[in-house]
Amino acid sequence: MRGTNAETRFAALLGTGYQTPNDRFFVRNHTSTPLLDAADWSSRFQGLTA
């Protein structure tokens, strides 16, 4: 299965200024989209706190 390839049309960006709103971002994948099981996946963030 090929990855997602959903581009934003330039007309949809008219009047948005220099910052692209989140709902107007595009998705481009050149590989297959991985399927993740949330029960088996975790993430850890480390660093200094402010």
PDB file of N, CA and C in Angstrom:
ATOM      1  N   MET A   1       0.838  -1.182   0.000  1.00  0.00           N
ATOM      2  CA  MET A   1       0.000   0.000   0.000  1.00  0.00           C
ATOM      3  C   MET A   1       0.878   1.239   0.000  1.00  0.00           C
ATOM      4  N   ARG A   2       0.587   2.168  -0.869  1.00  0.00           N
ATOM      5  CA  ARG A   2       1.347   3.415  -0.949  1.00  0.00           C
ATOM      6  C   ARG A   2       0.911   4.361   0.157  1.00  0.00           C
ATOM      7  N   GLY A   3       1.786   5.291   0.492  1.00  0.00           N
ATOM      8  CA  GLY A   3       1.482   6.257   1.541  1.00  0.00           C
ATOM      9  C   GLY A   3       0.475   7.305   1.109  1.00  0.00           C
ATOM     10  N   THR A   4       0.111   8.144   2.038  1.00  0.00           N
ATOM     11  CA  THR A   4      -0.829   9.230   1.790  1.00  0.00           C
ATOM     12  C   THR A   4      -0.154  10.298   0.934  1.00  0.00           C
ATOM     13  N   ASN A   5      -0.875  10.875   0.029  1.00  0.00           N
ATOM     14  CA  ASN A   5      -0.338  11.910  -0.829  1.00  0.00           C
ATOM     15  C   ASN A   5      -1.446  12.929  -1.069  1.00  0.00           C
ATOM     16  N   ALA A   6      -1.672  13.798  -0.102  1.00  0.00           N
ATOM     17  CA  ALA A   6      -2.768  14.759  -0.175  1.00  0.00           C
ATOM     18  C   ALA A   6      -2.201  16.175  -0.129  1.00  0.00           C
ATOM     19  N   GLU A   7      -2.092  16.822  -1.278  1.00  0.00           N
ATOM     20  CA  GLU A   7      -1.527  18.160  -1.343  1.00  0.00           C
ATOM     21  C   GLU A   7      -2.594  19.229  -1.182  1.00  0.00           C
ATOM     22  N   THR A   8      -2.191  20.351  -0.584  1.00  0.00           N
ATOM     23  CA  THR A   8      -3.067  21.506  -0.468  1.00  0.00           C
ATOM     24  C   THR A   8      -3.039  22.284  -1.776  1.00  0.00           C
ATOM     25  N   ARG A   9      -4.195  22.686  -2.241  1.00  0.00           N
ATOM     26  CA  ARG A   9      -4.254  23.545  -3.425  1.00  0.00           C
ATOM     27  C   ARG A   9      -3.846  24.960  -3.027  1.00  0.00           C
ATOM     28  N   PHE A  10      -3.090  25.647  -3.887  1.00  0.00           N
ATOM     29  CA  PHE A  10      -2.638  26.993  -3.577  1.00  0.00           C
ATOM     30  C   PHE A  10      -3.806  27.940  -3.335  1.00  0.00           C
ATOM     31  N   ALA A  11      -4.917  27.737  -4.014  1.00  0.00           N
ATOM     32  CA  ALA A  11      -6.088  28.594  -3.826  1.00  0.00           C
ATOM     33  C   ALA A  11      -6.599  28.529  -2.385  1.00  0.00           C
ATOM     34  N   ALA A  12      -6.394  27.404  -1.709  1.00  0.00           N
ATOM     35  CA  ALA A  12      -6.843  27.256  -0.327  1.00  0.00           C
ATOM     36  C   ALA A  12      -5.991  28.073   0.634  1.00  0.00           C
ATOM     37  N   LEU A  13      -4.814  28.529   0.194  1.00  0.00           N
ATOM     38  CA  LEU A  13      -3.916  29.292   1.059  1.00  0.00           C
ATOM     39  C   LEU A  13      -4.062  30.803   0.889  1.00  0.00           C
ATOM     40  N   LEU A  14      -4.881  31.249  -0.044  1.00  0.00           N
ATOM     41  CA  LEU A  14      -5.066  32.681  -0.265  1.00  0.00           C
ATOM     42  C   LEU A  14      -5.603  33.344   0.991  1.00  0.00           C
ATOM     43  N   GLY A  15      -4.989  34.448   1.364  1.00  0.00           N
ATOM     44  CA  GLY A  15      -5.449  35.211   2.515  1.00  0.00           C
ATOM     45  C   GLY A  15      -5.013  34.671   3.859  1.00  0.00           C
ATOM     46  N   THR A  16      -4.158  33.654   3.894  1.00  0.00           N
ATOM     47  CA  THR A  16      -3.729  33.087   5.176  1.00  0.00           C
ATOM     48  C   THR A  16      -2.465  33.759   5.707  1.00  0.00           C
ATOM     49  N   GLY A  17      -1.826  34.618   4.926  1.00  0.00           N
ATOM     50  CA  GLY A  17      -0.617  35.308   5.389  1.00  0.00           C
ATOM     51  C   GLY A  17       0.596  34.406   5.331  1.00  0.00           C
ATOM     52  N   TYR A  18       1.544  34.671   6.228  1.00  0.00           N
ATOM     53  CA  TYR A  18       2.804  33.922   6.229  1.00  0.00           C
ATOM     54  C   TYR A  18       2.729  32.617   7.018  1.00  0.00           C
ATOM     55  N   GLN A  19       1.688  32.439   7.799  1.00  0.00           N
ATOM     56  CA  GLN A  19       1.554  31.221   8.593  1.00  0.00           C
ATOM     57  C   GLN A  19       0.426  30.367   8.033  1.00  0.00           C
ATOM     58  N   THR A  20       0.722  29.097   7.824  1.00  0.00           N
ATOM     59  CA  THR A  20      -0.272  28.171   7.291  1.00  0.00           C
ATOM     60  C   THR A  20      -1.102  27.606   8.445  1.00  0.00           C
ATOM     61  N   PRO A  21      -2.421  27.786   8.418  1.00  0.00           N
ATOM     62  CA  PRO A  21      -3.262  27.207   9.477  1.00  0.00           C
ATOM     63  C   PRO A  21      -3.167  25.681   9.479  1.00  0.00           C
ATOM     64  N   ASN A  22      -3.318  25.073  10.648  1.00  0.00           N
ATOM     65  CA  ASN A  22      -3.191  23.617  10.778  1.00  0.00           C
ATOM     66  C   ASN A  22      -4.106  22.857   9.836  1.00  0.00           C
ATOM     67  N   ASP A  23      -5.326  23.336   9.636  1.00  0.00           N
ATOM     68  CA  ASP A  23      -6.257  22.596   8.785  1.00  0.00           C
ATOM     69  C   ASP A  23      -5.939  22.714   7.302  1.00  0.00           C
ATOM     70  N   ARG A  24      -4.905  23.484   6.948  1.00  0.00           N
ATOM     71  CA  ARG A  24      -4.532  23.651   5.541  1.00  0.00           C
ATOM     72  C   ARG A  24      -3.196  22.993   5.201  1.00  0.00           C
ATOM     73  N   PHE A  25      -2.564  22.315   6.155  1.00  0.00           N
ATOM     74  CA  PHE A  25      -1.307  21.620   5.884  1.00  0.00           C
ATOM     75  C   PHE A  25      -1.544  20.444   4.952  1.00  0.00           C
ATOM     76  N   PHE A  26      -0.509  20.049   4.214  1.00  0.00           N
ATOM     77  CA  PHE A  26      -0.625  18.900   3.329  1.00  0.00           C
ATOM     78  C   PHE A  26       0.177  17.734   3.884  1.00  0.00           C
ATOM     79  N   VAL A  27      -0.111  16.558   3.387  1.00  0.00           N
ATOM     80  CA  VAL A  27       0.579  15.338   3.812  1.00  0.00           C
ATOM     81  C   VAL A  27       1.237  14.716   2.594  1.00  0.00           C
ATOM     82  N   ARG A  28       2.519  14.402   2.694  1.00  0.00           N
ATOM     83  CA  ARG A  28       3.226  13.744   1.590  1.00  0.00           C
ATOM     84  C   ARG A  28       4.080  12.641   2.176  1.00  0.00           C
ATOM     85  N   ASN A  29       3.808  11.418   1.819  1.00  0.00           N
ATOM     86  CA  ASN A  29       4.601  10.262   2.230  1.00  0.00           C
ATOM     87  C   ASN A  29       5.069   9.538   0.977  1.00  0.00           C
ATOM     88  N   HIS A  30       6.329   9.171   0.946  1.00  0.00           N
ATOM     89  CA  HIS A  30       6.866   8.432  -0.199  1.00  0.00           C
ATOM     90  C   HIS A  30       7.039   6.946   0.111  1.00  0.00           C
ATOM     91  N   THR A  31       6.595   6.551   1.270  1.00  0.00           N
ATOM     92  CA  THR A  31       6.659   5.144   1.656  1.00  0.00           C
ATOM     93  C   THR A  31       5.290   4.733   2.184  1.00  0.00           C
ATOM     94  N   SER A  32       5.162   3.499   2.565  1.00  0.00           N
ATOM     95  CA  SER A  32       3.883   3.049   3.095  1.00  0.00           C
ATOM     96  C   SER A  32       3.649   3.670   4.476  1.00  0.00           C
ATOM     97  N   THR A  33       2.397   3.882   4.803  1.00  0.00           N
ATOM     98  CA  THR A  33       2.028   4.451   6.087  1.00  0.00           C
ATOM     99  C   THR A  33       2.023   3.331   7.133  1.00  0.00           C
ATOM    100  N   PRO A  34       2.821   3.477   8.213  1.00  0.00           N
ATOM    101  CA  PRO A  34       2.885   2.402   9.197  1.00  0.00           C
ATOM    102  C   PRO A  34       1.593   2.314  10.010  1.00  0.00           C
ATOM    103  N   LEU A  35       1.246   1.105  10.402  1.00  0.00           N
ATOM    104  CA  LEU A  35       0.112   0.878  11.290  1.00  0.00           C
ATOM    105  C   LEU A  35       0.672   0.620  12.677  1.00  0.00           C
ATOM    106  N   LEU A  36       0.287   1.449  13.648  1.00  0.00           N
ATOM    107  CA  LEU A  36       0.798   1.334  15.004  1.00  0.00           C
ATOM    108  C   LEU A  36      -0.308   0.911  15.944  1.00  0.00           C
ATOM    109  N   ASP A  37       0.034   0.024  16.870  1.00  0.00           N
ATOM    110  CA  ASP A  37      -0.889  -0.384  17.911  1.00  0.00           C
ATOM    111  C   ASP A  37      -0.597   0.473  19.138  1.00  0.00           C
ATOM    112  N   ALA A  38      -1.534   1.318  19.538  1.00  0.00           N
ATOM    113  CA  ALA A  38      -1.321   2.240  20.650  1.00  0.00           C
ATOM    114  C   ALA A  38      -0.973   1.515  21.945  1.00  0.00           C
ATOM    115  N   ALA A  39      -1.430   0.291  22.118  1.00  0.00           N
ATOM    116  CA  ALA A  39      -1.143  -0.468  23.332  1.00  0.00           C
ATOM    117  C   ALA A  39       0.320  -0.907  23.407  1.00  0.00           C
ATOM    118  N   ASP A  40       0.995  -1.021  22.276  1.00  0.00           N
ATOM    119  CA  ASP A  40       2.379  -1.484  22.230  1.00  0.00           C
ATOM    120  C   ASP A  40       3.391  -0.361  22.036  1.00  0.00           C
ATOM    121  N   TRP A  41       2.946   0.875  21.945  1.00  0.00           N
ATOM    122  CA  TRP A  41       3.816   1.981  21.595  1.00  0.00           C
ATOM    123  C   TRP A  41       3.921   2.942  22.754  1.00  0.00           C
ATOM    124  N   SER A  42       5.108   3.496  22.970  1.00  0.00           N
ATOM    125  CA  SER A  42       5.286   4.500  24.019  1.00  0.00           C
ATOM    126  C   SER A  42       6.297   5.546  23.554  1.00  0.00           C
ATOM    127  N   SER A  43       6.325   6.643  24.278  1.00  0.00           N
ATOM    128  CA  SER A  43       7.238   7.734  23.950  1.00  0.00           C
ATOM    129  C   SER A  43       7.791   8.301  25.254  1.00  0.00           C
ATOM    130  N   ARG A  44       9.057   8.726  25.209  1.00  0.00           N
ATOM    131  CA  ARG A  44       9.674   9.316  26.401  1.00  0.00           C
ATOM    132  C   ARG A  44      10.358  10.605  25.976  1.00  0.00           C
ATOM    133  N   PHE A  45      10.125  11.660  26.731  1.00  0.00           N
ATOM    134  CA  PHE A  45      10.733  12.953  26.459  1.00  0.00           C
ATOM    135  C   PHE A  45      11.631  13.315  27.632  1.00  0.00           C
ATOM    136  N   GLN A  46      12.835  13.753  27.331  1.00  0.00           N
ATOM    137  CA  GLN A  46      13.786  14.138  28.358  1.00  0.00           C
ATOM    138  C   GLN A  46      14.304  15.521  28.054  1.00  0.00           C
ATOM    139  N   GLY A  47      14.694  16.215  29.085  1.00  0.00           N
ATOM    140  CA  GLY A  47      15.283  17.527  28.893  1.00  0.00           C
ATOM    141  C   GLY A  47      15.111  18.386  30.135  1.00  0.00           C
ATOM    142  N   LEU A  48      15.602  19.595  30.046  1.00  0.00           N
ATOM    143  CA  LEU A  48      15.511  20.529  31.144  1.00  0.00           C
ATOM    144  C   LEU A  48      14.123  21.137  31.190  1.00  0.00           C
ATOM    145  N   THR A  49      13.655  21.456  32.366  1.00  0.00           N
ATOM    146  CA  THR A  49      12.378  22.127  32.492  1.00  0.00           C
ATOM    147  C   THR A  49      12.625  23.620  32.679  1.00  0.00           C
ATOM    148  N   ALA A  50      11.694  24.399  32.251  1.00  0.00           N
ATOM    149  CA  ALA A  50      11.850  25.859  32.355  1.00  0.00           C
ATOM    150  C   ALA A  50      11.445  26.371  33.705  1.00  0.00           C
TER     151      ALA A  50
END
